[in-house]
Amino acid sequence: MNLEAAPDKIVKVVVHGANIAMTLYSVTAGGAPCDGLLFGETMTTTTQHLQDGDDTVTVRESYAAVTAALCCASTCSFYNDVGELSESRLEELSAEQSAPLLGWLSYRPASAAAAGGPLRPSMRESAVTLALLRRQLARYGGRQAMLLLLVTTGADHNGATVTWQFRCFQARLSSATGVMLLDPLELQTLNLGGHTGQATYQELSAATALASPTAGSQQQAVKHISLSAAVSPVQAGSVAVAVPKPGAGLPQPGVEPTALAALAAGARGQVAALGNHCEALLAGLHELCGQAVAGEATVMALRRRRDALLALLARA
């Protein structure tokens, strides 16, 4: 393998707000560790800056645009326990995607994530990333980046609020030693709304069907909304939330409902936790009201005592 073919360092990763929201919810709704694939394009822009003395400086920057995500119901969906890729499974998961493979994501619940400090890849995650990087170099010769997105969650207020923490890395091979480098990247979210300066959403066709189950496999992948087909960040202002067509995304006969059941269970758990939190707030509010009434009675008694003392002073 030619080490000079290592991808150039990109400056950032751009993703649409609806896309990252759907992805974060999908990987965390089941409450168990899972993984998935990221699809998109690596793009390069060249700009010229005019300096003093009419000198022109040319700046060339590369960045990655995530246009779709495919989340699976469990871990090891396209690799084994030691990080070796299953090429057939990987090809099957990527078959219906219009954009090329850009990376993968790994979700660890708060109980399984390392306590404190920033998110760091595990040994297995590093091995999977290295295998995918070598695959990318063999296929694209360094023109396509390889990303690793780590996601974890933390719950508060008896589960009524959830905090998402995610960190994105670019995998590259050192031209000197051939060792894989994982560079943290800025993850820029586009198209959040009018107040951010981005254009409003437009309607796009949606693809929400379930991936076909593999014979003899219990792993079920859920295909998420692809917000665009090879969308450039320059056009990101006009890219929008996909609106499903009538009847799109309905389970097909024979589809294993394990993934849907996990998502439904996670949603029911969140609703129950929110209900418990609301009940606790109401109980606290009633207690505060009782304390306020008792305090008002105490104030009235003190006022009467003050008036009595003032009357005694007036007669003295």
C-alpha atoms as a PDB file:
ATOM      1  CA  MET A   1       0.000   0.000   0.000  1.00  0.00           C
ATOM      2  CA  ASN A   2       1.325   3.402  -0.941  1.00  0.00           C
ATOM      3  CA  LEU A   3       1.706   5.489   2.195  1.00  0.00           C
ATOM      4  CA  GLU A   4       1.741   8.679   0.115  1.00  0.00           C
ATOM      5  CA  ALA A   5      -1.918   7.982  -0.726  1.00  0.00           C
ATOM      6  CA  ALA A   6      -2.975   8.842   2.821  1.00  0.00           C
ATOM      7  CA  PRO A   7      -5.898  11.340   2.660  1.00  0.00           C
ATOM      8  CA  ASP A   8      -5.105  15.009   3.107  1.00  0.00           C
ATOM      9  CA  LYS A   9      -6.119  16.491   6.419  1.00  0.00           C
ATOM     10  CA  ILE A  10      -9.592  18.016   6.261  1.00  0.00           C
ATOM     11  CA  VAL A  11     -10.486  21.139   8.214  1.00  0.00           C
ATOM     12  CA  LYS A  12     -14.042  20.235   9.284  1.00  0.00           C
ATOM     13  CA  VAL A  13     -17.059  17.996   8.792  1.00  0.00           C
ATOM     14  CA  VAL A  14     -20.409  19.505   7.789  1.00  0.00           C
ATOM     15  CA  VAL A  15     -23.773  17.837   8.392  1.00  0.00           C
ATOM     16  CA  HIS A  16     -27.364  19.033   8.233  1.00  0.00           C
ATOM     17  CA  GLY A  17     -29.202  19.620  11.499  1.00  0.00           C
ATOM     18  CA  ALA A  18     -32.031  17.203  10.741  1.00  0.00           C
ATOM     19  CA  ASN A  19     -29.549  14.509   9.712  1.00  0.00           C
ATOM     20  CA  ILE A  20     -27.474  14.663  12.908  1.00  0.00           C
ATOM     21  CA  ALA A  21     -30.664  14.845  15.023  1.00  0.00           C
ATOM     22  CA  MET A  22     -32.141  11.738  13.384  1.00  0.00           C
ATOM     23  CA  THR A  23     -28.845   9.891  13.747  1.00  0.00           C
ATOM     24  CA  LEU A  24     -28.351  10.770  17.430  1.00  0.00           C
ATOM     25  CA  TYR A  25     -31.918   9.788  18.298  1.00  0.00           C
ATOM     26  CA  SER A  26     -31.780   6.526  16.350  1.00  0.00           C
ATOM     27  CA  VAL A  27     -28.576   5.250  17.964  1.00  0.00           C
ATOM     28  CA  THR A  28     -29.672   6.169  21.496  1.00  0.00           C
ATOM     29  CA  ALA A  29     -33.387   5.229  21.439  1.00  0.00           C
ATOM     30  CA  GLY A  30     -32.692   1.534  22.001  1.00  0.00           C
ATOM     31  CA  GLY A  31     -30.501   2.216  25.043  1.00  0.00           C
ATOM     32  CA  ALA A  32     -27.872  -0.366  24.003  1.00  0.00           C
ATOM     33  CA  PRO A  33     -24.476  -0.033  22.267  1.00  0.00           C
ATOM     34  CA  CYS A  34     -24.741   0.016  18.481  1.00  0.00           C
ATOM     35  CA  ASP A  35     -22.937   1.239  15.393  1.00  0.00           C
ATOM     36  CA  GLY A  36     -23.598   2.389  11.846  1.00  0.00           C
ATOM     37  CA  LEU A  37     -22.145   3.806   8.652  1.00  0.00           C
ATOM     38  CA  LEU A  38     -21.706   7.359   7.396  1.00  0.00           C
ATOM     39  CA  PHE A  39     -21.963   8.292   3.726  1.00  0.00           C
ATOM     40  CA  GLY A  40     -20.972  11.481   1.951  1.00  0.00           C
ATOM     41  CA  GLU A  41     -18.340  13.271  -0.082  1.00  0.00           C
ATOM     42  CA  THR A  42     -14.895  14.760   0.483  1.00  0.00           C
ATOM     43  CA  MET A  43     -14.600  18.128  -1.243  1.00  0.00           C
ATOM     44  CA  THR A  44     -11.801  20.603  -1.865  1.00  0.00           C
ATOM     45  CA  THR A  45     -12.102  24.358  -2.320  1.00  0.00           C
ATOM     46  CA  THR A  46      -9.446  26.696  -3.672  1.00  0.00           C
ATOM     47  CA  THR A  47      -9.558  30.394  -2.781  1.00  0.00           C
ATOM     48  CA  GLN A  48      -7.231  33.249  -3.630  1.00  0.00           C
ATOM     49  CA  HIS A  49      -6.459  36.046  -1.176  1.00  0.00           C
ATOM     50  CA  LEU A  50      -5.023  39.369  -2.297  1.00  0.00           C
ATOM     51  CA  GLN A  51      -2.295  40.720  -0.028  1.00  0.00           C
ATOM     52  CA  ASP A  52      -0.259  43.927   0.077  1.00  0.00           C
ATOM     53  CA  GLY A  53       1.812  44.519  -3.019  1.00  0.00           C
ATOM     54  CA  ASP A  54      -0.750  42.805  -5.261  1.00  0.00           C
ATOM     55  CA  ASP A  55       0.536  39.397  -4.160  1.00  0.00           C
ATOM     56  CA  THR A  56      -1.989  36.568  -4.445  1.00  0.00           C
ATOM     57  CA  VAL A  57      -2.015  33.671  -1.997  1.00  0.00           C
ATOM     58  CA  THR A  58      -3.864  30.503  -2.979  1.00  0.00           C
ATOM     59  CA  VAL A  59      -5.437  28.510  -0.113  1.00  0.00           C
ATOM     60  CA  ARG A  60      -6.595  24.940  -0.694  1.00  0.00           C
ATOM     61  CA  GLU A  61      -8.828  23.346   1.938  1.00  0.00           C
ATOM     62  CA  SER A  62     -10.616  20.001   2.105  1.00  0.00           C
ATOM     63  CA  TYR A  63     -13.681  19.144   4.130  1.00  0.00           C
ATOM     64  CA  ALA A  64     -16.195  16.304   4.375  1.00  0.00           C
ATOM     65  CA  ALA A  65     -19.975  16.519   3.942  1.00  0.00           C
ATOM     66  CA  VAL A  66     -22.086  13.801   5.603  1.00  0.00           C
ATOM     67  CA  THR A  67     -25.240  13.302   3.533  1.00  0.00           C
ATOM     68  CA  ALA A  68     -26.691  10.086   5.000  1.00  0.00           C
ATOM     69  CA  ALA A  69     -26.346   7.692   7.927  1.00  0.00           C
ATOM     70  CA  LEU A  70     -27.275   4.049   8.300  1.00  0.00           C
ATOM     71  CA  CYS A  71     -27.692   2.920  11.923  1.00  0.00           C
ATOM     72  CA  CYS A  72     -27.760  -0.728  13.020  1.00  0.00           C
ATOM     73  CA  ALA A  73     -29.531  -2.275  15.987  1.00  0.00           C
ATOM     74  CA  SER A  74     -26.375  -3.668  17.649  1.00  0.00           C
ATOM     75  CA  THR A  75     -22.595  -3.658  17.508  1.00  0.00           C
ATOM     76  CA  CYS A  76     -20.402  -5.781  15.207  1.00  0.00           C
ATOM     77  CA  SER A  77     -22.820  -5.225  12.317  1.00  0.00           C
ATOM     78  CA  PHE A  78     -20.071  -5.326   9.672  1.00  0.00           C
ATOM     79  CA  TYR A  79     -17.025  -6.534  11.645  1.00  0.00           C
ATOM     80  CA  ASN A  80     -16.127  -9.163  14.236  1.00  0.00           C
ATOM     81  CA  ASP A  81     -15.011  -8.867  17.848  1.00  0.00           C
ATOM     82  CA  VAL A  82     -11.378  -8.162  16.920  1.00  0.00           C
ATOM     83  CA  GLY A  83     -12.203  -5.488  14.326  1.00  0.00           C
ATOM     84  CA  GLU A  84     -11.893  -7.505  11.106  1.00  0.00           C
ATOM     85  CA  LEU A  85     -14.288  -6.361   8.382  1.00  0.00           C
ATOM     86  CA  SER A  86     -17.001  -8.486   6.813  1.00  0.00           C
ATOM     87  CA  GLU A  87     -16.784  -7.329   3.208  1.00  0.00           C
ATOM     88  CA  SER A  88     -20.049  -8.992   2.178  1.00  0.00           C
ATOM     89  CA  ARG A  89     -22.000  -7.391   5.017  1.00  0.00           C
ATOM     90  CA  LEU A  90     -20.379  -4.017   4.349  1.00  0.00           C
ATOM     91  CA  GLU A  91     -21.291  -4.186   0.663  1.00  0.00           C
ATOM     92  CA  GLU A  92     -24.860  -5.145   1.541  1.00  0.00           C
ATOM     93  CA  LEU A  93     -25.293  -2.204   3.901  1.00  0.00           C
ATOM     94  CA  SER A  94     -23.830   0.216   1.334  1.00  0.00           C
ATOM     95  CA  ALA A  95     -25.683  -1.141  -1.699  1.00  0.00           C
ATOM     96  CA  GLU A  96     -28.650   1.248  -1.646  1.00  0.00           C
ATOM     97  CA  GLN A  97     -26.670   4.388  -0.848  1.00  0.00           C
ATOM     98  CA  SER A  98     -26.041   6.931  -3.589  1.00  0.00           C
ATOM     99  CA  ALA A  99     -23.040   8.513  -1.842  1.00  0.00           C
ATOM    100  CA  PRO A 100     -19.785   6.623  -1.153  1.00  0.00           C
ATOM    101  CA  LEU A 101     -18.737   5.431   2.291  1.00  0.00           C
ATOM    102  CA  LEU A 102     -17.315   8.274   4.375  1.00  0.00           C
ATOM    103  CA  GLY A 103     -16.886   6.649   7.789  1.00  0.00           C
ATOM    104  CA  TRP A 104     -18.684   4.912  10.615  1.00  0.00           C
ATOM    105  CA  LEU A 105     -20.164   5.711  14.014  1.00  0.00           C
ATOM    106  CA  SER A 106     -20.087   3.958  17.369  1.00  0.00           C
ATOM    107  CA  TYR A 107     -22.509   4.582  20.236  1.00  0.00           C
ATOM    108  CA  ARG A 108     -21.743   3.715  23.860  1.00  0.00           C
ATOM    109  CA  PRO A 109     -24.314   4.394  26.614  1.00  0.00           C
ATOM    110  CA  ALA A 110     -23.186   6.433  29.591  1.00  0.00           C
ATOM    111  CA  SER A 111     -22.650   3.315  31.726  1.00  0.00           C
ATOM    112  CA  ALA A 112     -20.271   1.872  29.119  1.00  0.00           C
ATOM    113  CA  ALA A 113     -18.430   5.127  28.316  1.00  0.00           C
ATOM    114  CA  ALA A 114     -15.223   6.084  30.076  1.00  0.00           C
ATOM    115  CA  ALA A 115     -15.808   8.269  33.110  1.00  0.00           C
ATOM    116  CA  GLY A 116     -14.634  11.833  32.632  1.00  0.00           C
ATOM    117  CA  GLY A 117     -12.521  13.370  29.923  1.00  0.00           C
ATOM    118  CA  PRO A 118     -13.179  13.572  26.183  1.00  0.00           C
ATOM    119  CA  LEU A 119     -14.390  10.606  24.168  1.00  0.00           C
ATOM    120  CA  ARG A 120     -11.593   8.338  22.953  1.00  0.00           C
ATOM    121  CA  PRO A 121     -11.790   5.329  20.616  1.00  0.00           C
ATOM    122  CA  SER A 122     -11.354   1.864  22.095  1.00  0.00           C
ATOM    123  CA  MET A 123      -8.895  -0.694  20.728  1.00  0.00           C
ATOM    124  CA  ARG A 124     -11.635  -2.415  18.710  1.00  0.00           C
ATOM    125  CA  GLU A 125     -12.913   0.903  17.351  1.00  0.00           C
ATOM    126  CA  SER A 126      -9.368   1.809  16.320  1.00  0.00           C
ATOM    127  CA  ALA A 127      -8.926  -1.562  14.596  1.00  0.00           C
ATOM    128  CA  VAL A 128     -12.192  -1.178  12.668  1.00  0.00           C
ATOM    129  CA  THR A 129     -11.239   2.371  11.653  1.00  0.00           C
ATOM    130  CA  LEU A 130      -7.825   1.220  10.413  1.00  0.00           C
ATOM    131  CA  ALA A 131      -9.396  -1.570   8.357  1.00  0.00           C
ATOM    132  CA  LEU A 132     -11.888   0.874   6.811  1.00  0.00           C
ATOM    133  CA  LEU A 133      -9.096   3.363   6.111  1.00  0.00           C
ATOM    134  CA  ARG A 134      -7.088   0.755   4.218  1.00  0.00           C
ATOM    135  CA  ARG A 135     -10.224  -0.131   2.272  1.00  0.00           C
ATOM    136  CA  GLN A 136     -10.799   3.522   1.386  1.00  0.00           C
ATOM    137  CA  LEU A 137      -7.203   3.957   0.214  1.00  0.00           C
ATOM    138  CA  ALA A 138      -7.435   0.856  -1.951  1.00  0.00           C
ATOM    139  CA  ARG A 139     -10.671   2.069  -3.567  1.00  0.00           C
ATOM    140  CA  TYR A 140     -10.244   5.834  -3.826  1.00  0.00           C
ATOM    141  CA  GLY A 141      -6.498   6.380  -3.561  1.00  0.00           C
ATOM    142  CA  GLY A 142      -6.742   9.046  -0.869  1.00  0.00           C
ATOM    143  CA  ARG A 143      -9.521  11.108  -2.470  1.00  0.00           C
ATOM    144  CA  GLN A 144     -12.116  10.080   0.135  1.00  0.00           C
ATOM    145  CA  ALA A 145     -11.705  10.752   3.858  1.00  0.00           C
ATOM    146  CA  MET A 146     -12.385   8.198   6.593  1.00  0.00           C
ATOM    147  CA  LEU A 147     -14.275   9.449   9.659  1.00  0.00           C
ATOM    148  CA  LEU A 148     -15.040   7.980  13.078  1.00  0.00           C
ATOM    149  CA  LEU A 149     -17.966   9.471  15.019  1.00  0.00           C
ATOM    150  CA  LEU A 150     -18.167   8.530  18.707  1.00  0.00           C
ATOM    151  CA  VAL A 151     -21.459   9.144  20.519  1.00  0.00           C
ATOM    152  CA  THR A 152     -22.459   8.763  24.164  1.00  0.00           C
ATOM    153  CA  THR A 153     -25.287   9.997  26.392  1.00  0.00           C
ATOM    154  CA  GLY A 154     -25.831  11.042  29.976  1.00  0.00           C
ATOM    155  CA  ALA A 155     -29.204  11.240  31.777  1.00  0.00           C
ATOM    156  CA  ASP A 156     -30.269  13.709  34.461  1.00  0.00           C
ATOM    157  CA  HIS A 157     -33.445  14.597  36.411  1.00  0.00           C
ATOM    158  CA  ASN A 158     -34.454  10.947  36.761  1.00  0.00           C
ATOM    159  CA  GLY A 159     -34.036  10.382  33.044  1.00  0.00           C
ATOM    160  CA  ALA A 160     -36.240  13.316  32.011  1.00  0.00           C
ATOM    161  CA  THR A 161     -33.331  15.083  30.276  1.00  0.00           C
ATOM    162  CA  VAL A 162     -30.667  13.482  28.106  1.00  0.00           C
ATOM    163  CA  THR A 163     -27.337  15.025  27.132  1.00  0.00           C
ATOM    164  CA  TRP A 164     -25.635  13.866  23.938  1.00  0.00           C
ATOM    165  CA  GLN A 165     -21.869  14.010  23.655  1.00  0.00           C
ATOM    166  CA  PHE A 166     -20.202  13.258  20.343  1.00  0.00           C
ATOM    167  CA  ARG A 167     -16.726  13.623  18.881  1.00  0.00           C
ATOM    168  CA  CYS A 168     -15.564  13.208  15.293  1.00  0.00           C
ATOM    169  CA  PHE A 169     -12.116  12.018  14.140  1.00  0.00           C
ATOM    170  CA  GLN A 170     -10.386  11.750  10.782  1.00  0.00           C
ATOM    171  CA  ALA A 171      -8.240   8.657  10.257  1.00  0.00           C
ATOM    172  CA  ARG A 172      -5.003   9.145   8.298  1.00  0.00           C
ATOM    173  CA  LEU A 173      -1.827   7.171   7.733  1.00  0.00           C
ATOM    174  CA  SER A 174       1.467   8.788   8.657  1.00  0.00           C
ATOM    175  CA  SER A 175       3.643   9.050   5.548  1.00  0.00           C
ATOM    176  CA  ALA A 176       6.750   8.500   7.693  1.00  0.00           C
ATOM    177  CA  THR A 177       5.801   5.510   9.843  1.00  0.00           C
ATOM    178  CA  GLY A 178       2.544   4.170   8.394  1.00  0.00           C
ATOM    179  CA  VAL A 179       0.871   4.470  11.817  1.00  0.00           C
ATOM    180  CA  MET A 180      -2.769   5.525  11.842  1.00  0.00           C
ATOM    181  CA  LEU A 181      -3.429   9.016  13.176  1.00  0.00           C
ATOM    182  CA  LEU A 182      -6.821  10.061  14.562  1.00  0.00           C
ATOM    183  CA  ASP A 183      -7.255  13.836  14.300  1.00  0.00           C
ATOM    184  CA  PRO A 184     -10.216  15.439  16.148  1.00  0.00           C
ATOM    185  CA  LEU A 185     -12.368  17.525  13.796  1.00  0.00           C
ATOM    186  CA  GLU A 186     -14.867  20.341  14.085  1.00  0.00           C
ATOM    187  CA  LEU A 187     -18.385  19.085  13.375  1.00  0.00           C
ATOM    188  CA  GLN A 188     -20.367  21.966  11.853  1.00  0.00           C
ATOM    189  CA  THR A 189     -24.155  21.619  11.814  1.00  0.00           C
ATOM    190  CA  LEU A 190     -25.886  23.387   8.921  1.00  0.00           C
ATOM    191  CA  ASN A 191     -29.467  24.369   8.174  1.00  0.00           C
ATOM    192  CA  LEU A 192     -30.668  24.760  11.746  1.00  0.00           C
ATOM    193  CA  GLY A 193     -33.125  27.560  10.948  1.00  0.00           C
ATOM    194  CA  GLY A 194     -33.512  31.147   9.802  1.00  0.00           C
ATOM    195  CA  HIS A 195     -31.863  32.659  12.903  1.00  0.00           C
ATOM    196  CA  THR A 196     -28.561  31.003  11.963  1.00  0.00           C
ATOM    197  CA  GLY A 197     -28.374  32.724   8.609  1.00  0.00           C
ATOM    198  CA  GLN A 198     -29.056  29.520   6.689  1.00  0.00           C
ATOM    199  CA  ALA A 199     -31.836  29.268   4.094  1.00  0.00           C
ATOM    200  CA  THR A 200     -35.133  27.622   4.944  1.00  0.00           C
ATOM    201  CA  TYR A 201     -35.844  23.978   4.332  1.00  0.00           C
ATOM    202  CA  GLN A 202     -37.116  22.626   1.030  1.00  0.00           C
ATOM    203  CA  GLU A 203     -38.934  19.361   0.384  1.00  0.00           C
ATOM    204  CA  LEU A 204     -36.901  16.351  -0.688  1.00  0.00           C
ATOM    205  CA  SER A 205     -37.919  12.788  -1.362  1.00  0.00           C
ATOM    206  CA  ALA A 206     -37.372  10.464   1.585  1.00  0.00           C
ATOM    207  CA  ALA A 207     -35.959   6.969   1.873  1.00  0.00           C
ATOM    208  CA  THR A 208     -37.044   5.419   5.182  1.00  0.00           C
ATOM    209  CA  ALA A 209     -37.395   1.754   4.254  1.00  0.00           C
ATOM    210  CA  LEU A 210     -35.931  -0.986   6.420  1.00  0.00           C
ATOM    211  CA  ALA A 211     -32.859  -2.783   5.117  1.00  0.00           C
ATOM    212  CA  SER A 212     -33.503  -6.334   3.963  1.00  0.00           C
ATOM    213  CA  PRO A 213     -32.597  -8.933   6.616  1.00  0.00           C
ATOM    214  CA  THR A 214     -29.627 -11.165   5.966  1.00  0.00           C
ATOM    215  CA  ALA A 215     -30.221 -14.929   5.924  1.00  0.00           C
ATOM    216  CA  GLY A 216     -28.932 -16.512   9.138  1.00  0.00           C
ATOM    217  CA  SER A 217     -28.187 -13.137  10.710  1.00  0.00           C
ATOM    218  CA  GLN A 218     -29.997 -11.587  13.666  1.00  0.00           C
ATOM    219  CA  GLN A 219     -28.593  -8.101  12.998  1.00  0.00           C
ATOM    220  CA  GLN A 220     -31.146  -5.690  11.577  1.00  0.00           C
ATOM    221  CA  ALA A 221     -30.148  -2.341  10.087  1.00  0.00           C
ATOM    222  CA  VAL A 222     -32.472   0.626   9.933  1.00  0.00           C
ATOM    223  CA  LYS A 223     -32.051   2.978   7.011  1.00  0.00           C
ATOM    224  CA  HIS A 224     -32.414   6.623   7.953  1.00  0.00           C
ATOM    225  CA  ILE A 225     -33.489   9.623   5.985  1.00  0.00           C
ATOM    226  CA  SER A 226     -30.942  10.618   3.378  1.00  0.00           C
ATOM    227  CA  LEU A 227     -31.220  14.393   3.239  1.00  0.00           C
ATOM    228  CA  SER A 228     -29.508  14.719  -0.096  1.00  0.00           C
ATOM    229  CA  ALA A 229     -27.715  12.810  -2.774  1.00  0.00           C
ATOM    230  CA  ALA A 230     -24.160  14.097  -3.030  1.00  0.00           C
ATOM    231  CA  VAL A 231     -24.925  17.548  -1.597  1.00  0.00           C
ATOM    232  CA  SER A 232     -22.112  20.040  -1.479  1.00  0.00           C
ATOM    233  CA  PRO A 233     -21.706  22.283   1.593  1.00  0.00           C
ATOM    234  CA  VAL A 234     -21.952  25.282  -0.757  1.00  0.00           C
ATOM    235  CA  GLN A 235     -25.535  24.240  -1.510  1.00  0.00           C
ATOM    236  CA  ALA A 236     -26.248  23.262   2.088  1.00  0.00           C
ATOM    237  CA  GLY A 237     -28.335  26.354   2.706  1.00  0.00           C
ATOM    238  CA  SER A 238     -31.011  25.040   0.369  1.00  0.00           C
ATOM    239  CA  VAL A 239     -31.053  21.464   1.663  1.00  0.00           C
ATOM    240  CA  ALA A 240     -33.979  20.469   3.810  1.00  0.00           C
ATOM    241  CA  VAL A 241     -35.649  17.876   5.962  1.00  0.00           C
ATOM    242  CA  ALA A 242     -36.907  14.949   3.931  1.00  0.00           C
ATOM    243  CA  VAL A 243     -40.692  14.620   4.029  1.00  0.00           C
ATOM    244  CA  PRO A 244     -41.739  10.946   3.801  1.00  0.00           C
ATOM    245  CA  LYS A 245     -44.091   9.997   1.021  1.00  0.00           C
ATOM    246  CA  PRO A 246     -47.409   8.313   1.958  1.00  0.00           C
ATOM    247  CA  GLY A 247     -46.756   4.677   2.794  1.00  0.00           C
ATOM    248  CA  ALA A 248     -42.954   5.066   2.740  1.00  0.00           C
ATOM    249  CA  GLY A 249     -41.023   3.256   5.434  1.00  0.00           C
ATOM    250  CA  LEU A 250     -43.671   0.659   6.268  1.00  0.00           C
ATOM    251  CA  PRO A 251     -42.226  -2.660   7.456  1.00  0.00           C
ATOM    252  CA  GLN A 252     -42.050  -5.239   4.721  1.00  0.00           C
ATOM    253  CA  PRO A 253     -43.419  -8.770   5.272  1.00  0.00           C
ATOM    254  CA  GLY A 254     -40.908 -11.031   6.987  1.00  0.00           C
ATOM    255  CA  VAL A 255     -38.833  -8.184   8.470  1.00  0.00           C
ATOM    256  CA  GLU A 256     -37.527  -8.977  11.937  1.00  0.00           C
ATOM    257  CA  PRO A 257     -39.205  -6.449  14.306  1.00  0.00           C
ATOM    258  CA  THR A 258     -36.368  -6.482  16.861  1.00  0.00           C
ATOM    259  CA  ALA A 259     -35.050  -3.059  15.864  1.00  0.00           C
ATOM    260  CA  LEU A 260     -38.518  -1.475  15.918  1.00  0.00           C
ATOM    261  CA  ALA A 261     -39.272  -3.028  19.291  1.00  0.00           C
ATOM    262  CA  ALA A 262     -36.036  -1.614  20.738  1.00  0.00           C
ATOM    263  CA  LEU A 263     -36.837   1.871  19.460  1.00  0.00           C
ATOM    264  CA  ALA A 264     -40.400   1.680  20.803  1.00  0.00           C
ATOM    265  CA  ALA A 265     -39.177   0.490  24.208  1.00  0.00           C
ATOM    266  CA  GLY A 266     -36.717   3.371  24.385  1.00  0.00           C
ATOM    267  CA  ALA A 267     -39.434   5.888  23.520  1.00  0.00           C
ATOM    268  CA  ARG A 268     -41.808   4.445  26.132  1.00  0.00           C
ATOM    269  CA  GLY A 269     -39.047   4.616  28.736  1.00  0.00           C
ATOM    270  CA  GLN A 270     -38.408   8.278  27.989  1.00  0.00           C
ATOM    271  CA  VAL A 271     -42.131   9.101  28.238  1.00  0.00           C
ATOM    272  CA  ALA A 272     -42.405   7.270  31.562  1.00  0.00           C
ATOM    273  CA  ALA A 273     -39.339   9.047  32.938  1.00  0.00           C
ATOM    274  CA  LEU A 274     -40.761  12.405  31.875  1.00  0.00           C
ATOM    275  CA  GLY A 275     -44.063  11.597  33.595  1.00  0.00           C
ATOM    276  CA  ASN A 276     -42.256  10.680  36.830  1.00  0.00           C
ATOM    277  CA  HIS A 277     -40.271  13.902  36.671  1.00  0.00           C
ATOM    278  CA  CYS A 278     -43.449  15.966  36.200  1.00  0.00           C
ATOM    279  CA  GLU A 279     -45.064  14.249  39.195  1.00  0.00           C
ATOM    280  CA  ALA A 280     -42.008  15.003  41.316  1.00  0.00           C
ATOM    281  CA  LEU A 281     -42.180  18.664  40.252  1.00  0.00           C
ATOM    282  CA  LEU A 282     -45.859  18.862  41.208  1.00  0.00           C
ATOM    283  CA  ALA A 283     -45.152  17.337  44.630  1.00  0.00           C
ATOM    284  CA  GLY A 284     -42.392  19.877  45.194  1.00  0.00           C
ATOM    285  CA  LEU A 285     -44.696  22.698  44.113  1.00  0.00           C
ATOM    286  CA  HIS A 286     -47.368  21.599  46.628  1.00  0.00           C
ATOM    287  CA  GLU A 287     -44.751  21.507  49.376  1.00  0.00           C
ATOM    288  CA  LEU A 288     -43.572  25.018  48.524  1.00  0.00           C
ATOM    289  CA  CYS A 289     -47.155  26.280  48.562  1.00  0.00           C
ATOM    290  CA  GLY A 290     -47.638  24.811  52.039  1.00  0.00           C
ATOM    291  CA  GLN A 291     -44.455  26.477  53.268  1.00  0.00           C
ATOM    292  CA  ALA A 292     -45.614  29.785  51.794  1.00  0.00           C
ATOM    293  CA  VAL A 293     -48.957  29.569  53.612  1.00  0.00           C
ATOM    294  CA  ALA A 294     -47.219  28.754  56.906  1.00  0.00           C
ATOM    295  CA  GLY A 295     -44.814  31.627  56.387  1.00  0.00           C
ATOM    296  CA  GLU A 296     -47.669  34.037  55.716  1.00  0.00           C
ATOM    297  CA  ALA A 297     -49.339  33.027  58.999  1.00  0.00           C
ATOM    298  CA  THR A 298     -46.079  33.653  60.855  1.00  0.00           C
ATOM    299  CA  VAL A 299     -45.749  37.100  59.283  1.00  0.00           C
ATOM    300  CA  MET A 300     -49.290  38.012  60.309  1.00  0.00           C
ATOM    301  CA  ALA A 301     -48.584  36.945  63.925  1.00  0.00           C
ATOM    302  CA  LEU A 302     -45.448  39.078  64.009  1.00  0.00           C
ATOM    303  CA  ARG A 303     -47.356  42.071  62.668  1.00  0.00           C
ATOM    304  CA  ARG A 304     -49.985  41.711  65.424  1.00  0.00           C
ATOM    305  CA  ARG A 305     -47.263  41.535  68.059  1.00  0.00           C
ATOM    306  CA  ARG A 306     -45.621  44.626  66.578  1.00  0.00           C
ATOM    307  CA  ASP A 307     -48.903  46.536  66.708  1.00  0.00           C
ATOM    308  CA  ALA A 308     -49.410  45.528  70.340  1.00  0.00           C
ATOM    309  CA  LEU A 309     -45.938  46.691  71.324  1.00  0.00           C
ATOM    310  CA  LEU A 310     -46.434  49.999  69.529  1.00  0.00           C
ATOM    311  CA  ALA A 311     -49.716  50.510  71.432  1.00  0.00           C
ATOM    312  CA  LEU A 312     -47.937  49.892  74.763  1.00  0.00           C
ATOM    313  CA  LEU A 313     -45.235  52.391  73.855  1.00  0.00           C
ATOM    314  CA  ALA A 314     -47.854  54.987  72.947  1.00  0.00           C
ATOM    315  CA  ARG A 315     -49.545  54.683  76.388  1.00  0.00           C
ATOM    316  CA  ALA A 316     -46.254  54.812  78.304  1.00  0.00           C
END
